Amino acid sequence: MYAVVRSGNKQYRVEPGQRVRVERLPGAVGDAIELGEVLLIGGEGEARIGKPLLDGARALGRIVDQGRGAKVMLFKLKRRGNYRRKQGHRQSYTEILVDRIEG
């Protein structure tokens, strides 16, 4: 069984036992978490598709890690005029271990 859930304005395909990194969510490591915006459930017979969400469906899991991704460097340069801009960015994430899918 699998589900397509929405979190942080992105969609993720999740299955029980899978680890997934989503944009940072509030909570500490070990806390239970519910992903309630389920768009699709499939894998057993015919897929059920929400319009846009499935009523009563949810993916349950727990927070495994709160961290920050690798640094991404942004660098702008124009040939003349001594124009240089350097900026770094690290995106925060929450890693979730999906326990089960209900609905």
PDB file of N, CA and C in Angstrom:
ATOM      1  N   MET A   1       0.839  -1.176   0.000  1.00  0.00           N
ATOM      2  CA  MET A   1       0.000   0.000   0.000  1.00  0.00           C
ATOM      3  C   MET A   1       0.885   1.241   0.000  1.00  0.00           C
ATOM      4  N   TYR A   2       0.498   2.235  -0.755  1.00  0.00           N
ATOM      5  CA  TYR A   2       1.224   3.495  -0.794  1.00  0.00           C
ATOM      6  C   TYR A   2       0.228   4.642  -0.819  1.00  0.00           C
ATOM      7  N   ALA A   3       0.737   5.826  -0.528  1.00  0.00           N
ATOM      8  CA  ALA A   3      -0.096   7.023  -0.545  1.00  0.00           C
ATOM      9  C   ALA A   3       0.718   8.177  -1.102  1.00  0.00           C
ATOM     10  N   VAL A   4       0.018   9.129  -1.683  1.00  0.00           N
ATOM     11  CA  VAL A   4       0.639  10.382  -2.117  1.00  0.00           C
ATOM     12  C   VAL A   4       0.124  11.451  -1.159  1.00  0.00           C
ATOM     13  N   VAL A   5       1.068  12.072  -0.425  1.00  0.00           N
ATOM     14  CA  VAL A   5       0.706  13.085   0.566  1.00  0.00           C
ATOM     15  C   VAL A   5       1.311  14.426   0.161  1.00  0.00           C
ATOM     16  N   ARG A   6       0.694  15.490   0.668  1.00  0.00           N
ATOM     17  CA  ARG A   6       1.195  16.841   0.398  1.00  0.00           C
ATOM     18  C   ARG A   6       1.709  17.432   1.699  1.00  0.00           C
ATOM     19  N   SER A   7       2.931  17.962   1.648  1.00  0.00           N
ATOM     20  CA  SER A   7       3.528  18.610   2.811  1.00  0.00           C
ATOM     21  C   SER A   7       4.491  19.673   2.312  1.00  0.00           C
ATOM     22  N   GLY A   8       4.365  20.875   2.830  1.00  0.00           N
ATOM     23  CA  GLY A   8       5.261  21.950   2.414  1.00  0.00           C
ATOM     24  C   GLY A   8       5.093  22.317   0.951  1.00  0.00           C
ATOM     25  N   ASN A   9       3.862  22.192   0.441  1.00  0.00           N
ATOM     26  CA  ASN A   9       3.534  22.519  -0.945  1.00  0.00           C
ATOM     27  C   ASN A   9       4.260  21.620  -1.949  1.00  0.00           C
ATOM     28  N   LYS A  10       4.661  20.429  -1.503  1.00  0.00           N
ATOM     29  CA  LYS A  10       5.256  19.419  -2.377  1.00  0.00           C
ATOM     30  C   LYS A  10       4.509  18.120  -2.154  1.00  0.00           C
ATOM     31  N   GLN A  11       4.584  17.212  -3.131  1.00  0.00           N
ATOM     32  CA  GLN A  11       3.915  15.926  -3.016  1.00  0.00           C
ATOM     33  C   GLN A  11       4.956  14.820  -2.883  1.00  0.00           C
ATOM     34  N   TYR A  12       4.669  13.835  -2.011  1.00  0.00           N
ATOM     35  CA  TYR A  12       5.579  12.729  -1.756  1.00  0.00           C
ATOM     36  C   TYR A  12       4.810  11.418  -1.836  1.00  0.00           C
ATOM     37  N   ARG A  13       5.420  10.400  -2.443  1.00  0.00           N
ATOM     38  CA  ARG A  13       4.857   9.053  -2.466  1.00  0.00           C
ATOM     39  C   ARG A  13       5.471   8.306  -1.293  1.00  0.00           C
ATOM     40  N   VAL A  14       4.642   7.857  -0.355  1.00  0.00           N
ATOM     41  CA  VAL A  14       5.146   7.216   0.859  1.00  0.00           C
ATOM     42  C   VAL A  14       4.550   5.826   1.007  1.00  0.00           C
ATOM     43  N   GLU A  15       5.318   4.942   1.649  1.00  0.00           N
ATOM     44  CA  GLU A  15       4.892   3.585   1.970  1.00  0.00           C
ATOM     45  C   GLU A  15       5.257   3.312   3.430  1.00  0.00           C
ATOM     46  N   PRO A  16       4.558   2.379   4.089  1.00  0.00           N
ATOM     47  CA  PRO A  16       4.936   2.034   5.467  1.00  0.00           C
ATOM     48  C   PRO A  16       6.369   1.508   5.525  1.00  0.00           C
ATOM     49  N   GLY A  17       7.127   1.987   6.524  1.00  0.00           N
ATOM     50  CA  GLY A  17       8.515   1.588   6.684  1.00  0.00           C
ATOM     51  C   GLY A  17       9.506   2.462   5.928  1.00  0.00           C
ATOM     52  N   GLN A  18       9.024   3.409   5.165  1.00  0.00           N
ATOM     53  CA  GLN A  18       9.887   4.282   4.360  1.00  0.00           C
ATOM     54  C   GLN A  18      10.231   5.547   5.138  1.00  0.00           C
ATOM     55  N   ARG A  19      11.468   6.036   4.931  1.00  0.00           N
ATOM     56  CA  ARG A  19      11.880   7.334   5.471  1.00  0.00           C
ATOM     57  C   ARG A  19      11.735   8.367   4.370  1.00  0.00           C
ATOM     58  N   VAL A  20      11.179   9.506   4.718  1.00  0.00           N
ATOM     59  CA  VAL A  20      10.983  10.571   3.742  1.00  0.00           C
ATOM     60  C   VAL A  20      11.394  11.894   4.374  1.00  0.00           C
ATOM     61  N   ARG A  21      12.091  12.731   3.594  1.00  0.00           N
ATOM     62  CA  ARG A  21      12.491  14.063   4.043  1.00  0.00           C
ATOM     63  C   ARG A  21      11.520  15.085   3.485  1.00  0.00           C
ATOM     64  N   VAL A  22      10.894  15.830   4.376  1.00  0.00           N
ATOM     65  CA  VAL A  22       9.965  16.886   3.982  1.00  0.00           C
ATOM     66  C   VAL A  22      10.491  18.205   4.519  1.00  0.00           C
ATOM     67  N   GLU A  23       9.893  19.305   4.072  1.00  0.00           N
ATOM     68  CA  GLU A  23      10.295  20.597   4.613  1.00  0.00           C
ATOM     69  C   GLU A  23      10.007  20.624   6.107  1.00  0.00           C
ATOM     70  N   ARG A  24      10.756  21.430   6.819  1.00  0.00           N
ATOM     71  CA  ARG A  24      10.740  21.420   8.292  1.00  0.00           C
ATOM     72  C   ARG A  24       9.324  21.533   8.853  1.00  0.00           C
ATOM     73  N   LEU A  25       9.024  20.625   9.801  1.00  0.00           N
ATOM     74  CA  LEU A  25       7.762  20.624  10.519  1.00  0.00           C
ATOM     75  C   LEU A  25       8.058  20.779  12.011  1.00  0.00           C
ATOM     76  N   PRO A  26       7.151  21.378  12.778  1.00  0.00           N
ATOM     77  CA  PRO A  26       7.401  21.521  14.215  1.00  0.00           C
ATOM     78  C   PRO A  26       7.348  20.165  14.907  1.00  0.00           C
ATOM     79  N   GLY A  27       8.181  19.996  15.922  1.00  0.00           N
ATOM     80  CA  GLY A  27       8.205  18.763  16.693  1.00  0.00           C
ATOM     81  C   GLY A  27       9.631  18.347  16.996  1.00  0.00           C
ATOM     82  N   ALA A  28       9.778  17.466  17.993  1.00  0.00           N
ATOM     83  CA  ALA A  28      11.087  16.977  18.392  1.00  0.00           C
ATOM     84  C   ALA A  28      11.273  15.556  17.880  1.00  0.00           C
ATOM     85  N   VAL A  29      12.516  15.094  17.888  1.00  0.00           N
ATOM     86  CA  VAL A  29      12.829  13.738  17.456  1.00  0.00           C
ATOM     87  C   VAL A  29      12.095  12.754  18.371  1.00  0.00           C
ATOM     88  N   GLY A  30      11.407  11.786  17.771  1.00  0.00           N
ATOM     89  CA  GLY A  30      10.642  10.801  18.518  1.00  0.00           C
ATOM     90  C   GLY A  30       9.162  11.110  18.618  1.00  0.00           C
ATOM     91  N   ASP A  31       8.752  12.341  18.304  1.00  0.00           N
ATOM     92  CA  ASP A  31       7.337  12.717  18.358  1.00  0.00           C
ATOM     93  C   ASP A  31       6.557  12.038  17.233  1.00  0.00           C
ATOM     94  N   ALA A  32       5.306  11.694  17.538  1.00  0.00           N
ATOM     95  CA  ALA A  32       4.409  11.155  16.512  1.00  0.00           C
ATOM     96  C   ALA A  32       3.936  12.313  15.637  1.00  0.00           C
ATOM     97  N   ILE A  33       3.721  12.015  14.356  1.00  0.00           N
ATOM     98  CA  ILE A  33       3.297  13.048  13.421  1.00  0.00           C
ATOM     99  C   ILE A  33       2.271  12.465  12.468  1.00  0.00           C
ATOM    100  N   GLU A  34       1.358  13.314  12.050  1.00  0.00           N
ATOM    101  CA  GLU A  34       0.306  12.889  11.134  1.00  0.00           C
ATOM    102  C   GLU A  34       0.357  13.747   9.879  1.00  0.00           C
ATOM    103  N   LEU A  35       0.423  13.102   8.733  1.00  0.00           N
ATOM    104  CA  LEU A  35       0.334  13.796   7.449  1.00  0.00           C
ATOM    105  C   LEU A  35      -1.101  13.604   6.961  1.00  0.00           C
ATOM    106  N   GLY A  36      -1.914  14.628   7.131  1.00  0.00           N
ATOM    107  CA  GLY A  36      -3.342  14.502   6.881  1.00  0.00           C
ATOM    108  C   GLY A  36      -3.788  14.834   5.474  1.00  0.00           C
ATOM    109  N   GLU A  37      -2.946  15.465   4.695  1.00  0.00           N
ATOM    110  CA  GLU A  37      -3.336  15.843   3.340  1.00  0.00           C
ATOM    111  C   GLU A  37      -2.978  14.710   2.378  1.00  0.00           C
ATOM    112  N   VAL A  38      -3.837  13.698   2.310  1.00  0.00           N
ATOM    113  CA  VAL A  38      -3.604  12.538   1.451  1.00  0.00           C
ATOM    114  C   VAL A  38      -4.364  12.755   0.145  1.00  0.00           C
ATOM    115  N   LEU A  39      -3.651  12.694  -0.972  1.00  0.00           N
ATOM    116  CA  LEU A  39      -4.239  12.936  -2.279  1.00  0.00           C
ATOM    117  C   LEU A  39      -4.656  11.649  -2.972  1.00  0.00           C
ATOM    118  N   LEU A  40      -3.961  10.530  -2.668  1.00  0.00           N
ATOM    119  CA  LEU A  40      -4.204   9.276  -3.367  1.00  0.00           C
ATOM    120  C   LEU A  40      -3.753   8.119  -2.492  1.00  0.00           C
ATOM    121  N   ILE A  41      -4.504   7.018  -2.525  1.00  0.00           N
ATOM    122  CA  ILE A  41      -4.089   5.766  -1.881  1.00  0.00           C
ATOM    123  C   ILE A  41      -4.195   4.669  -2.924  1.00  0.00           C
ATOM    124  N   GLY A  42      -3.130   3.894  -3.058  1.00  0.00           N
ATOM    125  CA  GLY A  42      -3.125   2.823  -4.050  1.00  0.00           C
ATOM    126  C   GLY A  42      -2.365   1.623  -3.551  1.00  0.00           C
ATOM    127  N   GLY A  43      -2.298   0.606  -4.421  1.00  0.00           N
ATOM    128  CA  GLY A  43      -1.525  -0.575  -4.094  1.00  0.00           C
ATOM    129  C   GLY A  43      -2.367  -1.790  -3.780  1.00  0.00           C
ATOM    130  N   GLU A  44      -3.585  -1.619  -3.330  1.00  0.00           N
ATOM    131  CA  GLU A  44      -4.503  -2.721  -3.058  1.00  0.00           C
ATOM    132  C   GLU A  44      -5.714  -2.559  -3.963  1.00  0.00           C
ATOM    133  N   GLY A  45      -5.734  -3.291  -5.067  1.00  0.00           N
ATOM    134  CA  GLY A  45      -6.850  -3.164  -5.996  1.00  0.00           C
ATOM    135  C   GLY A  45      -6.777  -1.839  -6.739  1.00  0.00           C
ATOM    136  N   GLU A  46      -7.907  -1.182  -6.825  1.00  0.00           N
ATOM    137  CA  GLU A  46      -7.998   0.074  -7.566  1.00  0.00           C
ATOM    138  C   GLU A  46      -7.575   1.257  -6.700  1.00  0.00           C
ATOM    139  N   ALA A  47      -6.877   2.199  -7.290  1.00  0.00           N
ATOM    140  CA  ALA A  47      -6.420   3.389  -6.564  1.00  0.00           C
ATOM    141  C   ALA A  47      -7.605   4.296  -6.257  1.00  0.00           C
ATOM    142  N   ARG A  48      -7.577   4.907  -5.057  1.00  0.00           N
ATOM    143  CA  ARG A  48      -8.593   5.882  -4.674  1.00  0.00           C
ATOM    144  C   ARG A  48      -7.978   7.261  -4.782  1.00  0.00           C
ATOM    145  N   ILE A  49      -8.628   8.122  -5.533  1.00  0.00           N
ATOM    146  CA  ILE A  49      -8.107   9.463  -5.794  1.00  0.00           C
ATOM    147  C   ILE A  49      -9.041  10.485  -5.170  1.00  0.00           C
ATOM    148  N   GLY A  50      -8.464  11.435  -4.427  1.00  0.00           N
ATOM    149  CA  GLY A  50      -9.250  12.478  -3.794  1.00  0.00           C
ATOM    150  C   GLY A  50      -9.526  13.631  -4.735  1.00  0.00           C
ATOM    151  N   LYS A  51     -10.519  14.448  -4.362  1.00  0.00           N
ATOM    152  CA  LYS A  51     -10.875  15.605  -5.182  1.00  0.00           C
ATOM    153  C   LYS A  51     -10.961  16.841  -4.310  1.00  0.00           C
ATOM    154  N   PRO A  52      -9.911  17.476  -3.873  1.00  0.00           N
ATOM    155  CA  PRO A  52      -8.508  17.144  -4.055  1.00  0.00           C
ATOM    156  C   PRO A  52      -7.963  16.201  -2.986  1.00  0.00           C
ATOM    157  N   LEU A  53      -8.635  16.107  -1.790  1.00  0.00           N
ATOM    158  CA  LEU A  53      -8.116  15.267  -0.705  1.00  0.00           C
ATOM    159  C   LEU A  53      -9.074  14.113  -0.434  1.00  0.00           C
ATOM    160  N   LEU A  54      -8.535  13.016   0.107  1.00  0.00           N
ATOM    161  CA  LEU A  54      -9.357  11.893   0.542  1.00  0.00           C
ATOM    162  C   LEU A  54      -9.847  12.155   1.963  1.00  0.00           C
ATOM    163  N   ASP A  55     -11.145  12.008   2.190  1.00  0.00           N
ATOM    164  CA  ASP A  55     -11.713  12.234   3.529  1.00  0.00           C
ATOM    165  C   ASP A  55     -11.331  11.087   4.460  1.00  0.00           C
ATOM    166  N   GLY A  56     -10.835  11.418   5.641  1.00  0.00           N
ATOM    167  CA  GLY A  56     -10.506  10.427   6.656  1.00  0.00           C
ATOM    168  C   GLY A  56      -9.200   9.682   6.441  1.00  0.00           C
ATOM    169  N   ALA A  57      -8.494   9.970   5.388  1.00  0.00           N
ATOM    170  CA  ALA A  57      -7.225   9.282   5.117  1.00  0.00           C
ATOM    171  C   ALA A  57      -6.081  10.069   5.755  1.00  0.00           C
ATOM    172  N   ARG A  58      -5.082   9.321   6.235  1.00  0.00           N
ATOM    173  CA  ARG A  58      -3.921   9.973   6.831  1.00  0.00           C
ATOM    174  C   ARG A  58      -2.749   9.003   6.851  1.00  0.00           C
ATOM    175  N   ALA A  59      -1.558   9.557   6.875  1.00  0.00           N
ATOM    176  CA  ALA A  59      -0.326   8.778   7.004  1.00  0.00           C
ATOM    177  C   ALA A  59       0.259   9.102   8.366  1.00  0.00           C
ATOM    178  N   LEU A  60       0.518   8.070   9.150  1.00  0.00           N
ATOM    179  CA  LEU A  60       1.030   8.250  10.499  1.00  0.00           C
ATOM    180  C   LEU A  60       2.478   7.804  10.569  1.00  0.00           C
ATOM    181  N   GLY A  61       3.272   8.547  11.323  1.00  0.00           N
ATOM    182  CA  GLY A  61       4.683   8.207  11.458  1.00  0.00           C
ATOM    183  C   GLY A  61       5.282   8.900  12.657  1.00  0.00           C
ATOM    184  N   ARG A  62       6.610   8.897  12.699  1.00  0.00           N
ATOM    185  CA  ARG A  62       7.305   9.582  13.780  1.00  0.00           C
ATOM    186  C   ARG A  62       8.525  10.302  13.219  1.00  0.00           C
ATOM    187  N   ILE A  63       8.919  11.349  13.917  1.00  0.00           N
ATOM    188  CA  ILE A  63      10.058  12.155  13.484  1.00  0.00           C
ATOM    189  C   ILE A  63      11.338  11.425  13.863  1.00  0.00           C
ATOM    190  N   VAL A  64      12.209  11.208  12.876  1.00  0.00           N
ATOM    191  CA  VAL A  64      13.472  10.518  13.088  1.00  0.00           C
ATOM    192  C   VAL A  64      14.618  11.520  13.204  1.00  0.00           C
ATOM    193  N   ASP A  65      14.519  12.630  12.467  1.00  0.00           N
ATOM    194  CA  ASP A  65      15.625  13.588  12.451  1.00  0.00           C
ATOM    195  C   ASP A  65      15.103  14.969  12.089  1.00  0.00           C
ATOM    196  N   GLN A  66      15.679  15.983  12.715  1.00  0.00           N
ATOM    197  CA  GLN A  66      15.481  17.387  12.338  1.00  0.00           C
ATOM    198  C   GLN A  66      16.862  17.881  11.947  1.00  0.00           C
ATOM    199  N   GLY A  67      17.035  18.335  10.729  1.00  0.00           N
ATOM    200  CA  GLY A  67      18.374  18.733  10.321  1.00  0.00           C
ATOM    201  C   GLY A  67      18.356  19.782   9.235  1.00  0.00           C
ATOM    202  N   ARG A  68      19.543  20.000   8.689  1.00  0.00           N
ATOM    203  CA  ARG A  68      19.702  20.954   7.599  1.00  0.00           C
ATOM    204  C   ARG A  68      20.479  20.270   6.489  1.00  0.00           C
ATOM    205  N   GLY A  69      20.094  20.565   5.265  1.00  0.00           N
ATOM    206  CA  GLY A  69      20.725  19.947   4.108  1.00  0.00           C
ATOM    207  C   GLY A  69      22.094  20.529   3.816  1.00  0.00           C
ATOM    208  N   ALA A  70      22.668  20.059   2.729  1.00  0.00           N
ATOM    209  CA  ALA A  70      23.985  20.536   2.305  1.00  0.00           C
ATOM    210  C   ALA A  70      23.903  21.997   1.876  1.00  0.00           C
ATOM    211  N   LYS A  71      25.020  22.698   2.008  1.00  0.00           N
ATOM    212  CA  LYS A  71      25.054  24.108   1.643  1.00  0.00           C
ATOM    213  C   LYS A  71      25.046  24.263   0.120  1.00  0.00           C
ATOM    214  N   VAL A  72      24.246  25.186  -0.347  1.00  0.00           N
ATOM    215  CA  VAL A  72      24.176  25.533  -1.767  1.00  0.00           C
ATOM    216  C   VAL A  72      24.726  26.943  -1.896  1.00  0.00           C
ATOM    217  N   MET A  73      25.725  27.118  -2.749  1.00  0.00           N
ATOM    218  CA  MET A  73      26.325  28.433  -2.945  1.00  0.00           C
ATOM    219  C   MET A  73      25.740  29.097  -4.188  1.00  0.00           C
ATOM    220  N   LEU A  74      25.366  30.361  -4.054  1.00  0.00           N
ATOM    221  CA  LEU A  74      24.877  31.167  -5.165  1.00  0.00           C
ATOM    222  C   LEU A  74      25.937  32.215  -5.457  1.00  0.00           C
ATOM    223  N   PHE A  75      26.333  32.340  -6.716  1.00  0.00           N
ATOM    224  CA  PHE A  75      27.370  33.293  -7.068  1.00  0.00           C
ATOM    225  C   PHE A  75      26.978  34.006  -8.349  1.00  0.00           C
ATOM    226  N   LYS A  76      26.926  35.337  -8.300  1.00  0.00           N
ATOM    227  CA  LYS A  76      26.612  36.154  -9.467  1.00  0.00           C
ATOM    228  C   LYS A  76      27.858  36.938  -9.842  1.00  0.00           C
ATOM    229  N   LEU A  77      28.115  37.054 -11.131  1.00  0.00           N
ATOM    230  CA  LEU A  77      29.292  37.773 -11.606  1.00  0.00           C
ATOM    231  C   LEU A  77      28.967  38.442 -12.929  1.00  0.00           C
ATOM    232  N   LYS A  78      29.371  39.704 -13.051  1.00  0.00           N
ATOM    233  CA  LYS A  78      29.311  40.392 -14.336  1.00  0.00           C
ATOM    234  C   LYS A  78      30.737  40.706 -14.747  1.00  0.00           C
ATOM    235  N   ARG A  79      31.033  40.572 -15.993  1.00  0.00           N
ATOM    236  CA  ARG A  79      32.407  40.646 -16.477  1.00  0.00           C
ATOM    237  C   ARG A  79      33.099  41.960 -16.132  1.00  0.00           C
ATOM    238  N   ARG A  80      32.396  43.028 -16.330  1.00  0.00           N
ATOM    239  CA  ARG A  80      33.028  44.326 -16.073  1.00  0.00           C
ATOM    240  C   ARG A  80      32.309  45.028 -14.926  1.00  0.00           C
ATOM    241  N   GLY A  81      32.970  45.939 -14.289  1.00  0.00           N
ATOM    242  CA  GLY A  81      32.333  46.724 -13.235  1.00  0.00           C
ATOM    243  C   GLY A  81      32.546  46.171 -11.850  1.00  0.00           C
ATOM    244  N   ASN A  82      33.356  45.133 -11.720  1.00  0.00           N
ATOM    245  CA  ASN A  82      33.691  44.582 -10.416  1.00  0.00           C
ATOM    246  C   ASN A  82      32.441  44.182  -9.627  1.00  0.00           C
ATOM    247  N   TYR A  83      31.479  43.509 -10.291  1.00  0.00           N
ATOM    248  CA  TYR A  83      30.227  43.093  -9.669  1.00  0.00           C
ATOM    249  C   TYR A  83      30.311  41.614  -9.307  1.00  0.00           C
ATOM    250  N   ARG A  84      30.306  41.326  -8.018  1.00  0.00           N
ATOM    251  CA  ARG A  84      30.304  39.941  -7.534  1.00  0.00           C
ATOM    252  C   ARG A  84      29.378  39.851  -6.321  1.00  0.00           C
ATOM    253  N   ARG A  85      28.556  38.837  -6.277  1.00  0.00           N
ATOM    254  CA  ARG A  85      27.674  38.588  -5.133  1.00  0.00           C
ATOM    255  C   ARG A  85      27.745  37.106  -4.797  1.00  0.00           C
ATOM    256  N   LYS A  86      28.013  36.803  -3.538  1.00  0.00           N
ATOM    257  CA  LYS A  86      28.090  35.421  -3.098  1.00  0.00           C
ATOM    258  C   LYS A  86      27.133  35.233  -1.929  1.00  0.00           C
ATOM    259  N   GLN A  87      26.337  34.181  -1.994  1.00  0.00           N
ATOM    260  CA  GLN A  87      25.353  33.926  -0.961  1.00  0.00           C
ATOM    261  C   GLN A  87      25.239  32.420  -0.763  1.00  0.00           C
ATOM    262  N   GLY A  88      25.065  31.981   0.472  1.00  0.00           N
ATOM    263  CA  GLY A  88      24.904  30.571   0.776  1.00  0.00           C
ATOM    264  C   GLY A  88      23.518  30.300   1.346  1.00  0.00           C
ATOM    265  N   HIS A  89      23.074  29.038   1.220  1.00  0.00           N
ATOM    266  CA  HIS A  89      21.761  28.662   1.729  1.00  0.00           C
ATOM    267  C   HIS A  89      21.787  27.203   2.166  1.00  0.00           C
ATOM    268  N   ARG A  90      21.162  26.904   3.319  1.00  0.00           N
ATOM    269  CA  ARG A  90      20.971  25.525   3.768  1.00  0.00           C
ATOM    270  C   ARG A  90      19.495  25.357   4.100  1.00  0.00           C
ATOM    271  N   GLN A  91      18.845  24.407   3.436  1.00  0.00           N
ATOM    272  CA  GLN A  91      17.419  24.165   3.646  1.00  0.00           C
ATOM    273  C   GLN A  91      17.204  23.248   4.848  1.00  0.00           C
ATOM    274  N   SER A  92      16.318  23.627   5.741  1.00  0.00           N
ATOM    275  CA  SER A  92      15.971  22.791   6.889  1.00  0.00           C
ATOM    276  C   SER A  92      15.007  21.692   6.456  1.00  0.00           C
ATOM    277  N   TYR A  93      15.101  20.521   7.094  1.00  0.00           N
ATOM    278  CA  TYR A  93      14.218  19.410   6.752  1.00  0.00           C
ATOM    279  C   TYR A  93      13.835  18.642   8.006  1.00  0.00           C
ATOM    280  N   THR A  94      12.784  17.855   7.877  1.00  0.00           N
ATOM    281  CA  THR A  94      12.345  16.914   8.897  1.00  0.00           C
ATOM    282  C   THR A  94      12.294  15.545   8.232  1.00  0.00           C
ATOM    283  N   GLU A  95      12.963  14.566   8.826  1.00  0.00           N
ATOM    284  CA  GLU A  95      12.925  13.208   8.287  1.00  0.00           C
ATOM    285  C   GLU A  95      11.898  12.409   9.081  1.00  0.00           C
ATOM    286  N   ILE A  96      10.967  11.774   8.359  1.00  0.00           N
ATOM    287  CA  ILE A  96       9.859  11.058   8.970  1.00  0.00           C
ATOM    288  C   ILE A  96       9.943   9.582   8.582  1.00  0.00           C
ATOM    289  N   LEU A  97       9.719   8.708   9.552  1.00  0.00           N
ATOM    290  CA  LEU A  97       9.576   7.271   9.299  1.00  0.00           C
ATOM    291  C   LEU A  97       8.080   6.983   9.309  1.00  0.00           C
ATOM    292  N   VAL A  98       7.549   6.553   8.160  1.00  0.00           N
ATOM    293  CA  VAL A  98       6.117   6.298   8.021  1.00  0.00           C
ATOM    294  C   VAL A  98       5.806   4.941   8.638  1.00  0.00           C
ATOM    295  N   ASP A  99       4.886   4.921   9.624  1.00  0.00           N
ATOM    296  CA  ASP A  99       4.502   3.671  10.285  1.00  0.00           C
ATOM    297  C   ASP A  99       3.341   2.984   9.566  1.00  0.00           C
ATOM    298  N   ARG A 100       2.282   3.742   9.307  1.00  0.00           N
ATOM    299  CA  ARG A 100       1.127   3.134   8.640  1.00  0.00           C
ATOM    300  C   ARG A 100       0.316   4.183   7.900  1.00  0.00           C
ATOM    301  N   ILE A 101      -0.520   3.683   7.007  1.00  0.00           N
ATOM    302  CA  ILE A 101      -1.418   4.533   6.210  1.00  0.00           C
ATOM    303  C   ILE A 101      -2.839   4.100   6.526  1.00  0.00           C
ATOM    304  N   GLU A 102      -3.663   5.046   6.921  1.00  0.00           N
ATOM    305  CA  GLU A 102      -5.051   4.749   7.248  1.00  0.00           C
ATOM    306  C   GLU A 102      -5.965   5.422   6.246  1.00  0.00           C
ATOM    307  N   GLY A 103      -7.099   4.766   6.000  1.00  0.00           N
ATOM    308  CA  GLY A 103      -8.088   5.367   5.126  1.00  0.00           C
ATOM    309  C   GLY A 103      -8.426   4.488   4.043  1.00  0.00           C
TER     310      GLY A 103
END
